[in-house]
Structures are given as structure tokens and as C-alpha cells.
């Protein structure tokens, strides 16, 4: 005798319990287990090259910046400020920013000025709070100094999960 196919209306009590536990777990344990969360938090890439990636999530009203390596001068990132202007135009005043500078190397003075200009664009656009993920103490000191100059509303983190939770509050 072979197994017969059954429709959802013919589920056993055990199968119903398993489905309930799975659905309860997804809803109870939060967005990291919920596949719908990933669909709703799609990011749009604004700029992406070997030095940085800028993305936005309209659903979260959040910008994302990932900085890679060493920028020897401003000429290596000619679209950086234009990318920030475009990113801010896709968000609503009060947006948040998650910066991942965990792979950043310290930058020369002219690049520091470029970061100050980018922060001015973000402040004018209405950024409300900024979480920065840092692993290098020297890079952290450099970015803290830039933020102090521009009165940038940021907090440092070592883990991305902690940074996201803080921004979500």
C-alpha cells in the first residue's frame, strides 16, 4: 500500500502542531528568521566600487555605507559626494545611517575633508542617528575626530547586530 496524498485539510494533529510551532517561532524570534523581513528590507545600491558601497533601504529609512581599505586621495572616489546626494534624496528626513568601517584604513587629510563634506550632506538631508562599526582603533579615532568637527550624531559599535538594534530603537 502506498502513501496517499492529502490536502491541508487532512493534516494530522501532529502536523498541525509542527506548523504552529514553526510559524510561532518565526513571529516570536524576530525578523532574522522571517523570510518576509528580507523581502521588505530590500536595499537599493547607489554607489559600489572597490573603495565603498552606499545603499539605501526605503522601508527602514536607512542608508548603509561600507568603506573598503585605503583611499590615497579624493581622486580615487570621484562620485562619493554625488552618491551621497543621490542616497539622501531617496530617504525621508529623520533617516538613520549604518556605517561599516571595519575594513577601513586611516585616510589622508584631503580624504578626511571629503568625509566632512559627506557628513554635511547627510546632516542637511536630515540624518537622525548614525551607528559606526569599527575594528581599528586608529580609524576609530580619525572618524571620531571628523564627527566631532561636524557634530555628527554617531555611536561606535564593534558588532553589526548591536549597531542595527540601536538604530532600530
N, C-alpha and C. Protein backbone atom coordinates (compact mmCIF):
# COMPACT_ATOMS: atom_id res chain seq x y z
N UNK A 1 0.83 -1.19 0.00
CA UNK A 1 0.00 0.00 0.00
C UNK A 1 0.88 1.26 0.00
N UNK A 2 0.63 2.15 -0.92
CA UNK A 2 1.40 3.39 -0.99
C UNK A 2 0.75 4.49 -0.16
N UNK A 3 1.54 5.51 0.13
CA UNK A 3 1.02 6.64 0.89
C UNK A 3 0.10 7.46 0.00
N UNK A 4 -0.96 7.93 0.57
CA UNK A 4 -1.91 8.74 -0.19
C UNK A 4 -1.61 10.22 0.03
N UNK A 5 -1.72 11.00 -1.02
CA UNK A 5 -1.54 12.45 -0.90
C UNK A 5 -2.75 13.03 -0.19
N UNK A 6 -2.47 13.96 0.71
CA UNK A 6 -3.56 14.61 1.44
C UNK A 6 -3.43 16.11 1.26
N UNK A 7 -4.52 16.77 1.29
CA UNK A 7 -4.54 18.23 1.23
C UNK A 7 -4.34 18.79 2.63
N UNK A 8 -4.22 20.12 2.75
CA UNK A 8 -4.01 20.74 4.06
C UNK A 8 -5.13 20.45 5.04
N UNK A 9 -6.33 20.23 4.52
CA UNK A 9 -7.45 19.98 5.42
C UNK A 9 -7.34 18.61 6.10
N UNK A 10 -6.45 17.75 5.62
CA UNK A 10 -6.33 16.41 6.18
C UNK A 10 -5.08 16.26 7.05
N UNK A 11 -4.50 17.37 7.52
CA UNK A 11 -3.30 17.27 8.36
C UNK A 11 -3.62 16.61 9.69
N UNK A 12 -2.68 15.85 10.16
CA UNK A 12 -2.84 15.20 11.46
C UNK A 12 -2.63 16.25 12.55
N UNK A 13 -3.07 15.98 13.77
CA UNK A 13 -2.81 16.92 14.88
C UNK A 13 -1.32 17.18 15.06
N UNK A 14 -0.49 16.17 14.84
CA UNK A 14 0.97 16.33 14.98
C UNK A 14 1.49 17.32 13.93
N UNK A 15 1.05 17.18 12.68
CA UNK A 15 1.47 18.08 11.61
C UNK A 15 1.00 19.52 11.88
N UNK A 16 -0.20 19.66 12.37
CA UNK A 16 -0.71 20.99 12.71
C UNK A 16 0.14 21.63 13.80
N UNK A 17 0.52 20.84 14.81
CA UNK A 17 1.36 21.35 15.90
C UNK A 17 2.72 21.80 15.37
N UNK A 18 3.31 21.02 14.49
CA UNK A 18 4.61 21.38 13.92
C UNK A 18 4.50 22.69 13.15
N UNK A 19 3.46 22.83 12.32
CA UNK A 19 3.28 24.08 11.57
C UNK A 19 3.08 25.26 12.51
N UNK A 20 2.31 25.07 13.56
CA UNK A 20 2.09 26.13 14.54
C UNK A 20 3.40 26.55 15.19
N UNK A 21 4.21 25.59 15.60
CA UNK A 21 5.48 25.89 16.26
C UNK A 21 6.41 26.66 15.31
N UNK A 22 6.46 26.26 14.06
CA UNK A 22 7.30 26.95 13.09
C UNK A 22 6.85 28.39 12.91
N UNK A 23 5.56 28.60 12.68
CA UNK A 23 5.05 29.95 12.49
C UNK A 23 5.21 30.80 13.74
N UNK A 24 4.97 30.22 14.90
CA UNK A 24 5.13 30.94 16.16
C UNK A 24 6.59 31.35 16.33
N UNK A 25 7.51 30.45 16.04
CA UNK A 25 8.94 30.74 16.18
C UNK A 25 9.36 31.88 15.27
N UNK A 26 8.91 31.86 14.04
CA UNK A 26 9.27 32.92 13.09
C UNK A 26 8.77 34.27 13.61
N UNK A 27 7.53 34.32 14.07
CA UNK A 27 6.98 35.58 14.55
C UNK A 27 7.56 36.00 15.90
N UNK A 28 7.83 35.06 16.77
CA UNK A 28 8.30 35.36 18.12
C UNK A 28 9.78 35.70 18.16
N UNK A 29 10.59 35.00 17.38
CA UNK A 29 12.03 35.20 17.45
C UNK A 29 12.52 36.35 16.60
N UNK A 30 11.64 36.93 15.86
CA UNK A 30 12.00 38.17 15.21
C UNK A 30 12.34 38.07 13.74
N UNK A 31 12.75 39.22 13.21
CA UNK A 31 12.92 39.35 11.78
C UNK A 31 14.02 38.50 11.18
N UNK A 32 15.02 38.13 11.98
CA UNK A 32 16.12 37.37 11.39
C UNK A 32 15.68 36.01 10.90
N UNK A 33 14.57 35.46 11.42
CA UNK A 33 14.07 34.17 10.97
C UNK A 33 12.91 34.30 9.99
N UNK A 34 12.45 35.50 9.80
CA UNK A 34 11.25 35.69 9.00
C UNK A 34 11.62 36.02 7.55
N UNK A 35 11.32 35.13 6.60
CA UNK A 35 11.69 35.41 5.21
C UNK A 35 11.01 36.65 4.66
N UNK A 36 9.88 37.03 5.18
CA UNK A 36 9.19 38.24 4.73
C UNK A 36 10.01 39.47 5.09
N UNK A 37 10.74 39.42 6.22
CA UNK A 37 11.60 40.54 6.63
C UNK A 37 12.62 40.86 5.54
N UNK A 38 13.21 39.83 4.96
CA UNK A 38 14.23 40.06 3.94
C UNK A 38 13.64 40.65 2.68
N UNK A 39 12.44 40.29 2.32
CA UNK A 39 11.78 40.87 1.16
C UNK A 39 11.48 42.34 1.42
N UNK A 40 11.04 42.67 2.64
CA UNK A 40 10.65 44.04 2.96
C UNK A 40 11.83 44.95 3.24
N UNK A 41 13.02 44.40 3.43
CA UNK A 41 14.17 45.25 3.73
C UNK A 41 15.16 45.26 2.58
N UNK A 42 14.64 45.22 1.38
CA UNK A 42 15.50 45.25 0.20
C UNK A 42 16.27 46.57 0.16
N UNK A 43 17.51 46.47 -0.26
CA UNK A 43 18.35 47.66 -0.36
C UNK A 43 18.55 48.01 -1.83
N UNK A 44 18.64 49.30 -2.07
CA UNK A 44 18.95 49.81 -3.40
C UNK A 44 20.39 50.30 -3.37
N UNK A 45 21.21 49.82 -4.28
CA UNK A 45 22.61 50.24 -4.34
C UNK A 45 22.70 51.56 -5.09
N UNK A 46 23.35 52.52 -4.45
CA UNK A 46 23.55 53.85 -5.03
C UNK A 46 24.93 53.94 -5.67
N UNK A 47 25.95 53.50 -4.94
CA UNK A 47 27.32 53.52 -5.45
C UNK A 47 28.04 52.28 -4.97
N UNK A 48 28.84 51.67 -5.83
CA UNK A 48 29.54 50.44 -5.45
C UNK A 48 30.83 50.35 -6.27
N UNK A 49 31.97 50.40 -5.57
CA UNK A 49 33.26 50.27 -6.23
C UNK A 49 34.24 49.63 -5.25
N UNK A 50 35.51 49.62 -5.56
CA UNK A 50 36.46 48.93 -4.69
C UNK A 50 36.77 49.72 -3.41
N UNK A 51 36.26 50.95 -3.29
CA UNK A 51 36.52 51.76 -2.10
C UNK A 51 35.33 51.91 -1.15
N UNK A 52 34.12 51.81 -1.68
CA UNK A 52 32.94 51.95 -0.83
C UNK A 52 31.71 51.39 -1.53
N UNK A 53 30.69 51.13 -0.71
CA UNK A 53 29.36 50.77 -1.22
C UNK A 53 28.36 51.60 -0.42
N UNK A 54 27.47 52.29 -1.12
CA UNK A 54 26.39 53.05 -0.49
C UNK A 54 25.08 52.43 -0.95
N UNK A 55 24.24 52.08 0.03
CA UNK A 55 22.91 51.51 -0.26
C UNK A 55 21.89 52.24 0.60
N UNK A 56 20.63 52.14 0.17
CA UNK A 56 19.54 52.67 0.99
C UNK A 56 18.43 51.63 1.09
N UNK A 57 17.72 51.70 2.19
CA UNK A 57 16.50 50.92 2.38
C UNK A 57 15.39 51.91 2.66
N UNK A 58 14.48 52.05 1.70
CA UNK A 58 13.35 52.97 1.90
C UNK A 58 12.43 52.46 3.00
N UNK A 59 12.30 51.14 3.10
CA UNK A 59 11.42 50.55 4.12
C UNK A 59 11.92 50.89 5.53
N UNK A 60 13.23 50.86 5.73
CA UNK A 60 13.79 51.18 7.05
C UNK A 60 14.16 52.66 7.17
N UNK A 61 14.07 53.39 6.07
CA UNK A 61 14.52 54.78 6.02
C UNK A 61 15.95 54.87 6.54
N UNK A 62 16.81 54.06 5.91
CA UNK A 62 18.19 53.93 6.38
C UNK A 62 19.16 53.89 5.20
N UNK A 63 20.29 54.55 5.39
CA UNK A 63 21.40 54.46 4.45
C UNK A 63 22.45 53.53 5.04
N UNK A 64 23.18 52.87 4.14
CA UNK A 64 24.24 51.95 4.54
C UNK A 64 25.51 52.33 3.79
N UNK A 65 26.61 52.45 4.53
CA UNK A 65 27.90 52.72 3.92
C UNK A 65 28.89 51.66 4.37
N UNK A 66 29.56 51.06 3.41
CA UNK A 66 30.64 50.12 3.69
C UNK A 66 31.90 50.72 3.08
N UNK A 67 32.92 50.95 3.92
CA UNK A 67 34.19 51.53 3.46
C UNK A 67 35.22 50.41 3.36
N UNK A 68 35.92 50.37 2.23
CA UNK A 68 36.95 49.35 2.00
C UNK A 68 38.33 49.99 1.92
N UNK A 69 39.26 49.47 2.68
CA UNK A 69 40.68 49.77 2.53
C UNK A 69 41.12 51.21 2.67
N UNK A 70 42.16 51.54 1.90
CA UNK A 70 42.84 52.82 1.98
C UNK A 70 42.48 53.67 0.76
N UNK A 71 42.08 54.91 1.02
CA UNK A 71 41.81 55.87 -0.05
C UNK A 71 43.01 56.83 -0.07
N UNK A 72 43.86 56.73 -1.08
CA UNK A 72 45.09 57.54 -1.06
C UNK A 72 44.82 59.03 -1.27
N UNK A 73 43.72 59.34 -1.97
CA UNK A 73 43.32 60.75 -2.15
C UNK A 73 41.87 60.79 -2.64
N UNK A 74 41.34 61.98 -2.78
CA UNK A 74 39.93 62.13 -3.18
C UNK A 74 39.69 61.72 -4.63
N UNK A 75 40.75 61.69 -5.43
CA UNK A 75 40.60 61.32 -6.84
C UNK A 75 40.18 59.87 -7.04
N UNK A 76 40.41 59.01 -6.05
CA UNK A 76 40.04 57.59 -6.20
C UNK A 76 38.54 57.37 -5.98
N UNK A 77 37.85 58.38 -5.43
CA UNK A 77 36.41 58.27 -5.17
C UNK A 77 35.67 59.49 -5.74
N UNK A 78 35.74 59.70 -7.05
CA UNK A 78 35.20 60.94 -7.64
C UNK A 78 33.68 61.08 -7.51
N UNK A 79 32.95 60.00 -7.34
CA UNK A 79 31.48 60.06 -7.27
C UNK A 79 30.95 60.03 -5.83
N UNK A 80 31.83 60.05 -4.85
CA UNK A 80 31.42 59.85 -3.45
C UNK A 80 30.36 60.86 -3.00
N UNK A 81 30.60 62.13 -3.20
CA UNK A 81 29.63 63.14 -2.75
C UNK A 81 28.34 63.09 -3.58
N UNK A 82 28.47 62.86 -4.88
CA UNK A 82 27.27 62.74 -5.73
C UNK A 82 26.44 61.53 -5.31
N UNK A 83 27.12 60.43 -4.94
CA UNK A 83 26.39 59.24 -4.47
C UNK A 83 25.65 59.54 -3.18
N UNK A 84 26.27 60.31 -2.29
CA UNK A 84 25.57 60.66 -1.05
C UNK A 84 24.37 61.56 -1.31
N UNK A 85 24.51 62.49 -2.22
CA UNK A 85 23.39 63.36 -2.56
C UNK A 85 22.22 62.53 -3.10
N UNK A 86 22.53 61.58 -3.97
CA UNK A 86 21.50 60.71 -4.53
C UNK A 86 20.87 59.84 -3.44
N UNK A 87 21.69 59.30 -2.54
CA UNK A 87 21.18 58.44 -1.46
C UNK A 87 20.22 59.22 -0.56
N UNK A 88 20.61 60.41 -0.17
CA UNK A 88 19.78 61.23 0.72
C UNK A 88 18.46 61.60 0.05
N UNK A 89 18.50 61.81 -1.26
CA UNK A 89 17.26 62.17 -1.96
C UNK A 89 16.26 61.01 -1.98
N UNK A 90 16.73 59.80 -1.74
CA UNK A 90 15.84 58.64 -1.70
C UNK A 90 15.31 58.31 -0.32
N UNK A 91 15.66 59.14 0.67
CA UNK A 91 15.23 58.89 2.05
C UNK A 91 14.42 60.06 2.58
N UNK A 92 13.77 59.83 3.73
CA UNK A 92 12.94 60.85 4.36
C UNK A 92 13.69 61.42 5.56
N UNK A 93 13.53 62.71 5.77
CA UNK A 93 14.17 63.38 6.91
C UNK A 93 13.93 62.56 8.19
N UNK A 94 14.99 62.38 8.99
CA UNK A 94 14.92 61.53 10.17
C UNK A 94 15.51 60.15 9.92
N UNK A 95 16.10 59.96 8.73
CA UNK A 95 16.67 58.66 8.39
C UNK A 95 17.88 58.34 9.28
N UNK A 96 18.27 57.08 9.28
CA UNK A 96 19.44 56.63 10.05
C UNK A 96 20.51 56.15 9.08
N UNK A 97 21.72 56.00 9.60
CA UNK A 97 22.85 55.55 8.78
C UNK A 97 23.63 54.50 9.54
N UNK A 98 23.92 53.40 8.87
CA UNK A 98 24.80 52.37 9.40
C UNK A 98 26.07 52.37 8.56
N UNK A 99 27.18 52.76 9.18
CA UNK A 99 28.47 52.79 8.50
C UNK A 99 29.31 51.61 8.99
N UNK A 100 29.77 50.79 8.07
CA UNK A 100 30.66 49.69 8.39
C UNK A 100 32.06 50.09 7.93
N UNK A 101 32.86 50.53 8.89
CA UNK A 101 34.23 50.95 8.60
C UNK A 101 35.22 49.91 9.13
N UNK A 102 34.76 48.68 9.30
CA UNK A 102 35.60 47.63 9.88
C UNK A 102 36.79 47.27 8.98
N UNK A 103 36.70 47.59 7.68
CA UNK A 103 37.81 47.30 6.75
C UNK A 103 38.53 48.57 6.31
N UNK A 104 38.18 49.70 6.93
CA UNK A 104 38.78 50.98 6.55
C UNK A 104 40.18 51.12 7.15
N UNK A 105 41.07 51.67 6.35
CA UNK A 105 42.40 52.08 6.82
C UNK A 105 42.36 53.59 6.99
N UNK A 106 43.21 54.14 7.81
CA UNK A 106 43.20 55.59 8.03
C UNK A 106 43.43 56.32 6.71
N UNK A 107 42.83 57.49 6.60
CA UNK A 107 42.84 58.26 5.36
C UNK A 107 43.68 59.52 5.52
N UNK A 108 44.25 60.01 4.42
CA UNK A 108 44.98 61.28 4.47
C UNK A 108 44.04 62.47 4.69
N UNK A 109 44.64 63.62 4.94
CA UNK A 109 43.89 64.82 5.31
C UNK A 109 42.84 65.23 4.27
N UNK A 110 43.16 65.17 2.97
CA UNK A 110 42.18 65.60 1.97
C UNK A 110 40.97 64.67 1.94
N UNK A 111 41.18 63.40 2.25
CA UNK A 111 40.06 62.46 2.31
C UNK A 111 39.22 62.72 3.56
N UNK A 112 39.88 63.11 4.63
CA UNK A 112 39.13 63.48 5.84
C UNK A 112 38.18 64.65 5.53
N UNK A 113 38.66 65.62 4.77
CA UNK A 113 37.79 66.75 4.37
C UNK A 113 36.61 66.26 3.54
N UNK A 114 36.85 65.27 2.69
CA UNK A 114 35.77 64.69 1.89
C UNK A 114 34.70 64.06 2.79
N UNK A 115 35.13 63.36 3.83
CA UNK A 115 34.18 62.78 4.79
C UNK A 115 33.38 63.88 5.49
N UNK A 116 34.03 64.98 5.81
CA UNK A 116 33.32 66.11 6.42
C UNK A 116 32.25 66.65 5.48
N UNK A 117 32.57 66.75 4.19
CA UNK A 117 31.60 67.22 3.20
C UNK A 117 30.43 66.23 3.08
N UNK A 118 30.73 64.94 3.11
CA UNK A 118 29.67 63.93 3.04
C UNK A 118 28.77 64.03 4.27
N UNK A 119 29.38 64.23 5.44
CA UNK A 119 28.58 64.36 6.65
C UNK A 119 27.70 65.60 6.59
N UNK A 120 28.18 66.67 5.98
CA UNK A 120 27.36 67.88 5.83
C UNK A 120 26.14 67.58 4.96
N UNK A 121 26.33 66.79 3.90
CA UNK A 121 25.20 66.40 3.04
C UNK A 121 24.18 65.59 3.85
N UNK A 122 24.67 64.66 4.64
CA UNK A 122 23.79 63.81 5.46
C UNK A 122 23.05 64.63 6.52
N UNK A 123 23.75 65.55 7.16
CA UNK A 123 23.11 66.39 8.18
C UNK A 123 22.04 67.29 7.55
N UNK A 124 22.35 67.89 6.43
CA UNK A 124 21.38 68.74 5.74
C UNK A 124 20.17 67.93 5.29
N UNK A 125 20.40 66.67 4.92
CA UNK A 125 19.32 65.79 4.48
C UNK A 125 18.46 65.26 5.61
N UNK A 126 18.92 65.42 6.86
CA UNK A 126 18.09 65.04 7.99
C UNK A 126 18.45 63.73 8.68
N UNK A 127 19.70 63.32 8.64
CA UNK A 127 20.08 62.11 9.36
C UNK A 127 19.83 62.31 10.86
N UNK A 128 19.23 61.31 11.51
CA UNK A 128 18.90 61.45 12.93
C UNK A 128 19.91 60.77 13.85
N UNK A 129 20.42 59.62 13.44
CA UNK A 129 21.47 58.97 14.21
C UNK A 129 22.26 58.03 13.33
N UNK A 130 23.52 57.83 13.74
CA UNK A 130 24.48 57.08 12.94
C UNK A 130 25.17 56.06 13.83
N UNK A 131 25.20 54.83 13.35
CA UNK A 131 25.96 53.77 14.03
C UNK A 131 27.15 53.43 13.16
N UNK A 132 28.33 53.41 13.76
CA UNK A 132 29.54 53.07 13.02
C UNK A 132 30.15 51.80 13.58
N UNK A 133 30.44 50.86 12.69
CA UNK A 133 31.09 49.61 13.06
C UNK A 133 32.57 49.78 12.77
N UNK A 134 33.37 49.64 13.81
CA UNK A 134 34.81 49.86 13.69
C UNK A 134 35.57 48.71 14.34
N UNK A 135 36.71 48.38 13.77
CA UNK A 135 37.57 47.35 14.35
C UNK A 135 38.96 47.89 14.65
N UNK A 136 39.34 48.97 13.98
CA UNK A 136 40.68 49.54 14.10
C UNK A 136 40.63 50.79 14.98
N UNK A 137 41.44 50.82 16.03
CA UNK A 137 41.41 51.94 16.97
C UNK A 137 41.84 53.26 16.34
N UNK A 138 42.82 53.21 15.44
CA UNK A 138 43.29 54.44 14.80
C UNK A 138 42.21 54.99 13.86
N UNK A 139 41.58 54.13 13.08
CA UNK A 139 40.48 54.57 12.21
C UNK A 139 39.34 55.13 13.05
N UNK A 140 39.07 54.50 14.19
CA UNK A 140 38.03 54.98 15.09
C UNK A 140 38.33 56.39 15.57
N UNK A 141 39.59 56.64 15.98
CA UNK A 141 39.97 57.98 16.42
C UNK A 141 39.80 59.00 15.30
N UNK A 142 40.16 58.60 14.06
CA UNK A 142 40.05 59.52 12.93
C UNK A 142 38.58 59.85 12.65
N UNK A 143 37.72 58.84 12.62
CA UNK A 143 36.30 59.09 12.35
C UNK A 143 35.62 59.83 13.49
N UNK A 144 36.05 59.58 14.72
CA UNK A 144 35.51 60.33 15.86
C UNK A 144 35.86 61.81 15.74
N UNK A 145 37.09 62.09 15.30
CA UNK A 145 37.52 63.49 15.14
C UNK A 145 36.71 64.20 14.06
N UNK A 146 36.45 63.50 12.95
CA UNK A 146 35.64 64.09 11.87
C UNK A 146 34.23 64.37 12.39
N UNK A 147 33.65 63.41 13.10
CA UNK A 147 32.29 63.57 13.62
C UNK A 147 32.21 64.71 14.63
N UNK A 148 33.25 64.87 15.41
CA UNK A 148 33.26 65.96 16.39
C UNK A 148 33.27 67.32 15.68
N UNK A 149 34.01 67.40 14.58
CA UNK A 149 34.09 68.64 13.80
C UNK A 149 32.73 69.01 13.22
N UNK A 150 31.97 68.02 12.77
CA UNK A 150 30.69 68.29 12.09
C UNK A 150 29.47 68.13 12.99
N UNK A 151 29.68 67.77 14.26
CA UNK A 151 28.57 67.48 15.18
C UNK A 151 27.69 66.36 14.65
N UNK A 152 28.31 65.32 14.14
CA UNK A 152 27.62 64.16 13.57
C UNK A 152 27.10 63.28 14.69
N UNK A 153 25.79 62.93 14.67
CA UNK A 153 25.17 62.17 15.78
C UNK A 153 25.47 60.67 15.70
N UNK A 154 26.68 60.26 16.11
CA UNK A 154 27.08 58.87 15.91
C UNK A 154 27.47 58.17 17.20
N UNK A 155 27.38 56.85 17.13
CA UNK A 155 27.80 55.99 18.22
C UNK A 155 28.59 54.83 17.60
N UNK A 156 29.66 54.43 18.26
CA UNK A 156 30.53 53.36 17.75
C UNK A 156 30.12 51.99 18.27
N UNK A 157 30.30 51.00 17.41
CA UNK A 157 29.99 49.61 17.74
C UNK A 157 31.08 48.70 17.18
N UNK A 158 31.21 47.53 17.78
CA UNK A 158 32.13 46.51 17.25
C UNK A 158 31.37 45.44 16.47
N UNK A 159 30.07 45.31 16.72
CA UNK A 159 29.26 44.27 16.06
C UNK A 159 28.10 44.90 15.29
N UNK A 160 27.89 44.40 14.07
CA UNK A 160 26.81 44.91 13.21
C UNK A 160 25.44 44.71 13.85
N UNK A 161 25.24 43.58 14.51
CA UNK A 161 23.93 43.29 15.11
C UNK A 161 23.58 44.33 16.17
N UNK A 162 24.56 44.72 17.00
CA UNK A 162 24.33 45.71 18.04
C UNK A 162 24.02 47.08 17.41
N UNK A 163 24.72 47.40 16.35
CA UNK A 163 24.51 48.68 15.66
C UNK A 163 23.10 48.75 15.08
N UNK A 164 22.67 47.68 14.41
CA UNK A 164 21.32 47.64 13.82
C UNK A 164 20.26 47.75 14.90
N UNK A 165 20.44 47.04 16.00
CA UNK A 165 19.44 47.10 17.10
C UNK A 165 19.33 48.52 17.63
N UNK A 166 20.44 49.18 17.81
CA UNK A 166 20.43 50.55 18.34
C UNK A 166 19.71 51.49 17.36
N UNK A 167 19.98 51.33 16.08
CA UNK A 167 19.32 52.18 15.09
C UNK A 167 17.82 51.90 15.02
N UNK A 168 17.42 50.66 15.26
CA UNK A 168 16.00 50.30 15.21
C UNK A 168 15.21 50.85 16.40
N UNK A 169 15.88 51.29 17.45
CA UNK A 169 15.17 51.77 18.65
C UNK A 169 14.51 53.10 18.41
